[in-house]
Protein backbone atom coordinates (compact mmCIF):
# COMPACT_ATOMS: atom_id res chain seq x y z
CA UNK A 1 19.47 2.10 46.80
CA UNK A 2 17.56 3.34 43.66
CA UNK A 3 15.15 0.83 42.27
CA UNK A 4 15.57 0.52 38.45
CA UNK A 5 12.40 1.21 36.41
CA UNK A 6 11.03 -1.81 34.57
CA UNK A 7 11.53 -1.28 30.63
CA UNK A 8 8.24 -3.14 30.01
CA UNK A 9 4.87 -1.14 30.85
CA UNK A 10 2.76 -2.23 33.76
CA UNK A 11 -0.17 -4.26 32.19
CA UNK A 12 -3.38 -3.41 33.12
CA UNK A 13 -5.63 -5.66 35.62
CA UNK A 14 -8.01 -6.63 32.46
CA UNK A 15 -4.93 -8.10 30.42
CA UNK A 16 -3.92 -9.78 33.59
CA UNK A 17 -6.89 -11.46 34.09
CA UNK A 18 -7.39 -12.39 30.34
CA UNK A 19 -4.12 -14.27 30.80
CA UNK A 20 -5.50 -16.21 33.93
CA UNK A 21 -8.68 -17.01 31.90
CA UNK A 22 -6.38 -18.62 28.97
CA UNK A 23 -4.37 -20.59 31.70
CA UNK A 24 -7.52 -21.91 33.00
CA UNK A 25 -8.72 -23.08 29.45
CA UNK A 26 -5.55 -24.77 28.99
CA UNK A 27 -5.45 -26.43 32.42
CA UNK A 28 -9.20 -27.54 31.70
CA UNK A 29 -8.09 -28.90 28.24
CA UNK A 30 -10.68 -27.25 26.60
CA UNK A 31 -11.08 -26.99 22.87
CA UNK A 32 -12.47 -25.27 20.00
CA UNK A 33 -16.12 -24.96 20.32
CA UNK A 34 -16.11 -25.56 24.16
CA UNK A 35 -18.53 -23.38 26.05
CA UNK A 36 -17.03 -20.85 28.82
CA UNK A 37 -18.26 -20.42 32.14
CA UNK A 38 -20.83 -17.50 32.30
CA UNK A 39 -19.88 -14.07 33.60
CA UNK A 40 -21.19 -14.70 37.11
CA UNK A 41 -19.10 -17.82 37.32
CA UNK A 42 -15.92 -16.03 36.09
CA UNK A 43 -16.49 -13.34 38.64
CA UNK A 44 -16.77 -15.92 41.44
CA UNK A 45 -13.83 -17.89 39.97
CA UNK A 46 -11.21 -15.19 39.47
CA UNK A 47 -12.46 -12.77 42.34
CA UNK A 48 -12.79 -9.65 40.11
CA UNK A 49 -15.36 -7.12 39.11
CA UNK A 50 -17.64 -7.46 36.55
CA UNK A 51 -16.37 -4.71 34.59
CA UNK A 52 -12.74 -6.40 34.80
CA UNK A 53 -14.02 -9.65 33.60
CA UNK A 54 -16.15 -7.98 30.85
CA UNK A 55 -12.84 -6.19 29.43
CA UNK A 56 -10.77 -9.14 29.86
CA UNK A 57 -13.42 -11.15 27.75
CA UNK A 58 -13.40 -8.53 25.17
CA UNK A 59 -9.41 -8.76 24.78
CA UNK A 60 -9.73 -12.51 24.39
CA UNK A 61 -12.66 -11.94 21.86
CA UNK A 62 -10.14 -9.37 19.97
CA UNK A 63 -7.30 -12.04 19.96
CA UNK A 64 -9.62 -14.47 18.49
CA UNK A 65 -9.71 -16.62 21.63
CA UNK A 66 -13.20 -16.50 22.36
CA UNK A 67 -16.04 -16.33 20.28
CA UNK A 68 -19.60 -15.07 21.39
CA UNK A 69 -23.09 -16.02 20.19
CA UNK A 70 -26.22 -14.29 20.82
CA UNK A 71 -29.91 -15.84 20.91
CA UNK A 72 -31.00 -19.35 22.06
CA UNK A 73 -28.01 -21.59 22.86
CA UNK A 74 -25.51 -18.33 22.75
CA UNK A 75 -22.70 -17.55 25.26
CA UNK A 76 -18.91 -17.57 25.07
CA UNK A 77 -16.96 -20.12 23.55
CA UNK A 78 -13.50 -21.21 23.14
CA UNK A 79 -12.25 -19.76 19.81
CA UNK A 80 -9.06 -20.66 17.48
CA UNK A 81 -6.86 -18.46 15.90
CA UNK A 82 -6.41 -18.89 12.27
CA UNK A 83 -2.92 -19.07 10.55
CA UNK A 84 -4.09 -16.35 8.46
CA UNK A 85 -5.21 -13.90 11.12
CA UNK A 86 -2.04 -14.75 13.09
CA UNK A 87 0.23 -13.73 9.90
CA UNK A 88 -1.42 -10.55 9.53
CA UNK A 89 -1.37 -9.63 13.38
CA UNK A 90 2.51 -10.64 13.48
CA UNK A 91 2.79 -8.58 9.84
CA UNK A 92 1.37 -5.57 11.50
CA UNK A 93 4.07 -5.82 14.30
CA UNK A 94 6.95 -5.98 11.50
CA UNK A 95 5.09 -3.15 9.34
CA UNK A 96 7.25 -0.45 10.64
CA UNK A 97 10.35 -2.24 11.52
CA UNK A 98 12.08 -1.50 7.91
CA UNK A 99 12.71 -4.97 7.03
CA UNK A 100 15.11 -5.81 4.06
CA UNK A 101 15.59 -8.68 1.78
CA UNK A 102 18.67 -9.56 3.61
CA UNK A 103 16.77 -9.98 6.93
CA UNK A 104 14.20 -12.24 5.24
CA UNK A 105 16.62 -14.19 3.81
CA UNK A 106 18.80 -14.68 6.69
CA UNK A 107 15.74 -16.72 8.39
CA UNK A 108 14.74 -18.33 4.72
CA UNK A 109 18.28 -19.80 4.32
CA UNK A 110 18.62 -21.26 7.83
CA UNK A 111 14.99 -23.06 7.39
CA UNK A 112 14.26 -24.03 4.14
CA UNK A 113 17.18 -26.22 3.04
CA UNK A 114 16.45 -28.36 6.38
CA UNK A 115 12.91 -28.56 5.34
CA UNK A 116 13.46 -29.68 1.71
CA UNK A 117 16.07 -32.61 3.04
CA UNK A 118 13.38 -33.72 5.38
CA UNK A 119 10.45 -34.21 2.64
CA UNK A 120 12.81 -36.11 0.20
CA UNK A 121 11.11 -39.07 -0.73
CA UNK A 122 8.17 -38.47 1.49
CA UNK A 123 5.39 -36.61 -0.67
CA UNK A 124 3.08 -38.00 -2.70
CA UNK A 125 2.59 -37.74 -6.29
CA UNK A 126 -0.53 -35.59 -5.45
CA UNK A 127 1.85 -33.46 -3.34
CA UNK A 128 4.48 -33.09 -6.08
CA UNK A 129 1.64 -32.46 -8.55
CA UNK A 130 0.52 -29.40 -6.68
CA UNK A 131 4.04 -27.85 -6.66
CA UNK A 132 4.43 -28.77 -10.21
CA UNK A 133 0.85 -26.98 -10.76
CA UNK A 134 2.38 -23.65 -9.20
CA UNK A 135 5.58 -23.67 -11.45
CA UNK A 136 3.54 -23.87 -14.49
CA UNK A 137 1.99 -20.51 -13.48
CA UNK A 138 5.23 -19.11 -14.22
CA UNK A 139 6.46 -21.23 -17.12
CA UNK A 140 7.40 -18.14 -19.42
CA UNK A 141 9.11 -14.99 -18.49
CA UNK A 142 7.06 -11.86 -17.48
CA UNK A 143 5.99 -9.51 -20.19
CA UNK A 144 5.62 -6.78 -18.14
CA UNK A 145 5.96 -5.42 -14.53
CA UNK A 146 2.48 -6.52 -13.68
CA UNK A 147 3.29 -9.84 -14.84
CA UNK A 148 6.39 -9.76 -12.79
CA UNK A 149 4.68 -9.07 -9.69
CA UNK A 150 2.16 -12.22 -10.47
CA UNK A 151 5.03 -14.27 -10.87
CA UNK A 152 7.00 -13.39 -7.80
CA UNK A 153 3.69 -14.00 -5.70
CA UNK A 154 3.08 -17.27 -7.25
CA UNK A 155 6.64 -18.56 -6.80
CA UNK A 156 6.47 -17.90 -3.29
CA UNK A 157 3.58 -19.66 -2.71
CA UNK A 158 5.70 -22.84 -3.72
CA UNK A 159 7.63 -22.51 -0.57
CA UNK A 160 4.35 -21.85 1.38
CA UNK A 161 3.13 -25.17 0.08
CA UNK A 162 6.12 -26.92 0.65
CA UNK A 163 6.58 -25.83 4.05
CA UNK A 164 2.67 -26.98 4.87
CA UNK A 165 4.01 -30.57 4.46
CA UNK A 166 6.71 -30.36 7.16
CA UNK A 167 4.62 -31.67 9.89
CA UNK A 168 5.90 -29.29 12.15
CA UNK A 169 3.36 -26.34 12.91
CA UNK A 170 5.98 -23.89 14.18
CA UNK A 171 8.41 -24.56 11.44
CA UNK A 172 5.70 -24.61 8.74
CA UNK A 173 4.27 -21.02 10.23
CA UNK A 174 7.73 -19.36 10.32
CA UNK A 175 8.21 -20.32 6.60
CA UNK A 176 4.87 -19.25 5.20
CA UNK A 177 5.16 -16.18 7.39
CA UNK A 178 8.53 -15.35 5.69
CA UNK A 179 7.05 -16.08 2.35
CA UNK A 180 4.28 -13.64 3.16
CA UNK A 181 6.41 -10.94 4.43
CA UNK A 182 8.56 -11.09 1.29
CA UNK A 183 5.69 -11.12 -1.33
CA UNK A 184 4.29 -8.11 0.76
CA UNK A 185 7.70 -6.19 0.38
CA UNK A 186 7.88 -7.25 -3.11
CA UNK A 187 4.56 -5.69 -3.89
CA UNK A 188 4.74 -2.50 -1.76
CA UNK A 189 8.37 -1.77 -2.49
CA UNK A 190 7.72 -2.45 -6.25
CA UNK A 191 10.52 -4.82 -6.30
CA UNK A 192 9.18 -6.73 -9.48
CA UNK A 193 10.03 -3.59 -11.53
CA UNK A 194 11.85 -3.94 -13.97
CA UNK A 195 11.22 -7.32 -14.72
CA UNK A 196 14.14 -9.79 -13.94
CA UNK A 197 14.72 -12.69 -16.44
CA UNK A 198 17.47 -14.06 -14.35
CA UNK A 199 15.29 -14.20 -11.04
CA UNK A 200 12.82 -15.84 -12.87
CA UNK A 201 15.08 -18.25 -14.72
CA UNK A 202 17.12 -19.54 -12.01
CA UNK A 203 14.25 -19.62 -9.42
CA UNK A 204 12.17 -21.73 -11.64
CA UNK A 205 15.13 -24.09 -12.37
CA UNK A 206 15.76 -24.68 -8.89
CA UNK A 207 12.17 -25.56 -8.18
CA UNK A 208 12.05 -28.00 -11.07
CA UNK A 209 15.25 -29.65 -9.89
CA UNK A 210 14.07 -29.39 -6.06
CA UNK A 211 10.79 -31.42 -7.24
CA UNK A 212 12.90 -33.97 -9.20
CA UNK A 213 15.29 -34.42 -5.89
CA UNK A 214 11.93 -34.81 -3.63
CA UNK A 215 10.49 -37.60 -5.85
CA UNK A 216 13.43 -39.43 -6.02
CA UNK A 217 14.20 -39.23 -2.40
CA UNK A 218 17.71 -37.39 -2.67
CA UNK A 219 18.00 -35.51 0.70
CA UNK A 220 21.36 -34.21 0.37
CA UNK A 221 20.53 -32.88 -3.21
CA UNK A 222 17.38 -31.24 -2.10
CA UNK A 223 19.16 -29.60 0.66
CA UNK A 224 21.86 -28.08 -1.49
CA UNK A 225 19.44 -27.23 -4.51
CA UNK A 226 17.43 -25.16 -1.79
CA UNK A 227 20.37 -23.60 -0.09
CA UNK A 228 21.50 -22.47 -3.76
CA UNK A 229 18.28 -21.21 -4.52
CA UNK A 230 17.83 -19.32 -1.32
CA UNK A 231 21.61 -17.86 -2.04
CA UNK A 232 20.81 -17.11 -5.76
CA UNK A 233 17.40 -15.42 -4.65
CA UNK A 234 18.83 -13.26 -2.02
CA UNK A 235 21.72 -11.91 -4.43
CA UNK A 236 19.07 -11.01 -7.31
CA UNK A 237 16.58 -9.78 -4.91
CA UNK A 238 18.85 -7.36 -3.04
CA UNK A 239 19.95 -6.08 -6.58
CA UNK A 240 16.56 -5.34 -7.34
CA UNK A 241 16.09 -3.76 -4.27
CA UNK A 242 19.12 -1.55 -4.68
CA UNK A 243 18.07 -0.49 -8.20
CA UNK A 244 14.40 0.31 -6.91
CA UNK A 245 16.04 2.45 -4.28
CA UNK A 246 18.37 4.18 -6.88
CA UNK A 247 15.37 4.89 -8.90
CA UNK A 248 13.57 6.23 -5.93
CA UNK A 249 16.11 8.66 -4.81
CA UNK A 250 16.48 9.98 -8.02
CA UNK A 251 12.82 10.66 -8.45
């Protein structure tokens, strides 16, 4: 019987050892900044050659999970991947996936209405004031494509900030990542040209209504407002995307 070849490439030994080191760090309950064992101890602990251990540590350092310091008190320490770096790395993965507006909004429509409902009546006045401050950055429709681009980016920050208050780090990351991807898509595909007054007006009105529902603790209304906001924004953004592609083909 012929054995089927695995679709996954065989992982090199240093990568496997890097995983073992990560598992050991978790088992030891080490935290950011804790010192890791020296090279000799790692060689003995994992039964690997000096070269394999060094390459495994370089892999972990490249991932941001290990930080190396030189000089007195130097050595290898547990690192922590920042959200910004994680979003950038994941964004690189999707860079050549040819994502569409519909792909992004499929996720946003599933997540963001529920987040909005969960936050109704739970945000402080300072939190709500932060959201209102963001809306003030696009109080009037854009006068030109450059201002339209800036307003798109600012309006997406509203959703990133809202997600930050969810209390669920995974949910928050996903929504903030979707906002970042859409912001990038808007910029590099020039979806902000020409200015779209309807997109600005409906988006801003939805956000103002959402803040009122959040302040008054109306969870059902918050969910409905965000759902309508996502549906309307997707429709208008897809129309903008189609217009840009039509212009591109004509050129």
